[in-house]
Amino acid sequence: MPLYEYRCSQCDHQFELRQKFSDPPATECPLCKGSVEKQISSTSFSLKGGGWYAQGYCPKTEAAKPAACAAGGCCCEA
């Protein structure tokens, strides 16, 4: 389940809630019962480096490479 951040517009309390996608968003602060706004936050997921497709996923030998992709040629070639 995703983790959402909220901030109270009255007391400025910031808190997190783990909610289902189908759950309605929070509407009140757990401390002062004021109205809250959902915050936009960065995720902890990032892709760095040359990429899994070139370093660990793509077959190393010509015989093991896929024949072709939609763009033409091997999809593993970078």
Protein backbone atom coordinates (compact mmCIF):
# COMPACT_ATOMS: atom_id res chain seq x y z
CA MET A 1 0.00 0.00 0.00
CA PRO A 2 1.28 3.48 -0.79
CA LEU A 3 2.36 5.95 1.87
CA TYR A 4 0.84 9.44 1.57
CA GLU A 5 1.97 12.65 3.28
CA TYR A 6 -0.49 15.23 4.59
CA ARG A 7 -0.08 18.67 6.18
CA CYS A 8 -2.60 20.44 8.40
CA SER A 9 -3.53 23.95 7.27
CA GLN A 10 -4.24 25.07 10.87
CA CYS A 11 -1.48 23.67 13.09
CA ASP A 12 1.07 22.85 10.31
CA HIS A 13 1.36 19.26 11.60
CA GLN A 14 2.80 16.96 8.91
CA PHE A 15 1.98 13.24 9.03
CA GLU A 16 1.97 10.11 6.88
CA LEU A 17 -0.81 7.61 6.22
CA ARG A 18 -0.56 4.20 4.58
CA GLN A 19 -3.69 3.93 2.43
CA LYS A 20 -5.08 1.78 -0.36
CA PHE A 21 -5.52 3.38 -3.79
CA SER A 22 -9.27 2.99 -3.32
CA ASP A 23 -9.34 4.75 0.10
CA PRO A 24 -10.60 8.34 0.16
CA PRO A 25 -7.96 10.94 1.05
CA ALA A 26 -7.68 12.12 4.67
CA THR A 27 -9.70 15.23 5.49
CA GLU A 28 -8.77 16.15 9.08
CA CYS A 29 -5.67 16.46 11.24
CA PRO A 30 -5.30 13.80 13.97
CA LEU A 31 -4.11 16.49 16.45
CA CYS A 32 -6.36 19.52 16.02
CA LYS A 33 -9.07 18.18 13.65
CA GLY A 34 -8.25 20.96 11.14
CA SER A 35 -8.39 20.44 7.37
CA VAL A 36 -5.41 18.76 5.66
CA GLU A 37 -3.84 18.86 2.21
CA LYS A 38 -2.11 15.96 0.49
CA GLN A 39 1.57 16.75 -0.12
CA ILE A 40 3.62 15.86 -3.18
CA SER A 41 6.77 14.07 -2.11
CA SER A 42 9.67 12.45 -3.89
CA THR A 43 9.93 8.69 -4.04
CA SER A 44 12.85 6.62 -2.85
CA PHE A 45 13.02 4.76 -6.17
CA SER A 46 15.74 5.77 -8.62
CA LEU A 47 17.63 4.13 -11.46
CA LYS A 48 21.33 4.97 -11.66
CA GLY A 49 24.25 3.77 -13.73
CA GLY A 50 24.31 2.01 -17.07
CA GLY A 51 21.10 0.15 -16.42
CA TRP A 52 20.05 -3.39 -15.60
CA TYR A 53 19.21 -4.03 -19.25
CA ALA A 54 22.85 -3.65 -20.34
CA GLN A 55 24.67 -5.02 -17.30
CA GLY A 56 22.68 -7.95 -15.98
CA TYR A 57 19.72 -8.77 -18.17
CA CYS A 58 20.91 -8.72 -21.76
CA PRO A 59 22.37 -12.01 -23.06
CA LYS A 60 26.15 -11.85 -23.58
CA THR A 61 26.43 -14.13 -26.62
CA GLU A 62 25.12 -13.46 -30.12
CA ALA A 63 23.30 -16.83 -30.17
CA ALA A 64 21.37 -16.01 -26.99
CA LYS A 65 20.28 -12.52 -28.09
CA PRO A 66 16.66 -12.01 -29.20
CA ALA A 67 16.18 -11.87 -32.98
CA ALA A 68 14.76 -8.34 -33.24
CA CYS A 69 12.61 -5.77 -31.53
CA ALA A 70 9.97 -3.46 -32.97
CA ALA A 71 12.57 -0.77 -33.76
CA GLY A 72 14.77 -3.29 -35.60
CA GLY A 73 17.88 -4.98 -34.36
CA CYS A 74 18.47 -6.39 -30.91
CA CYS A 75 16.62 -4.62 -28.10
CA CYS A 76 19.59 -5.29 -25.80
CA GLU A 77 22.07 -3.18 -27.76
CA ALA A 78 22.70 0.15 -26.10
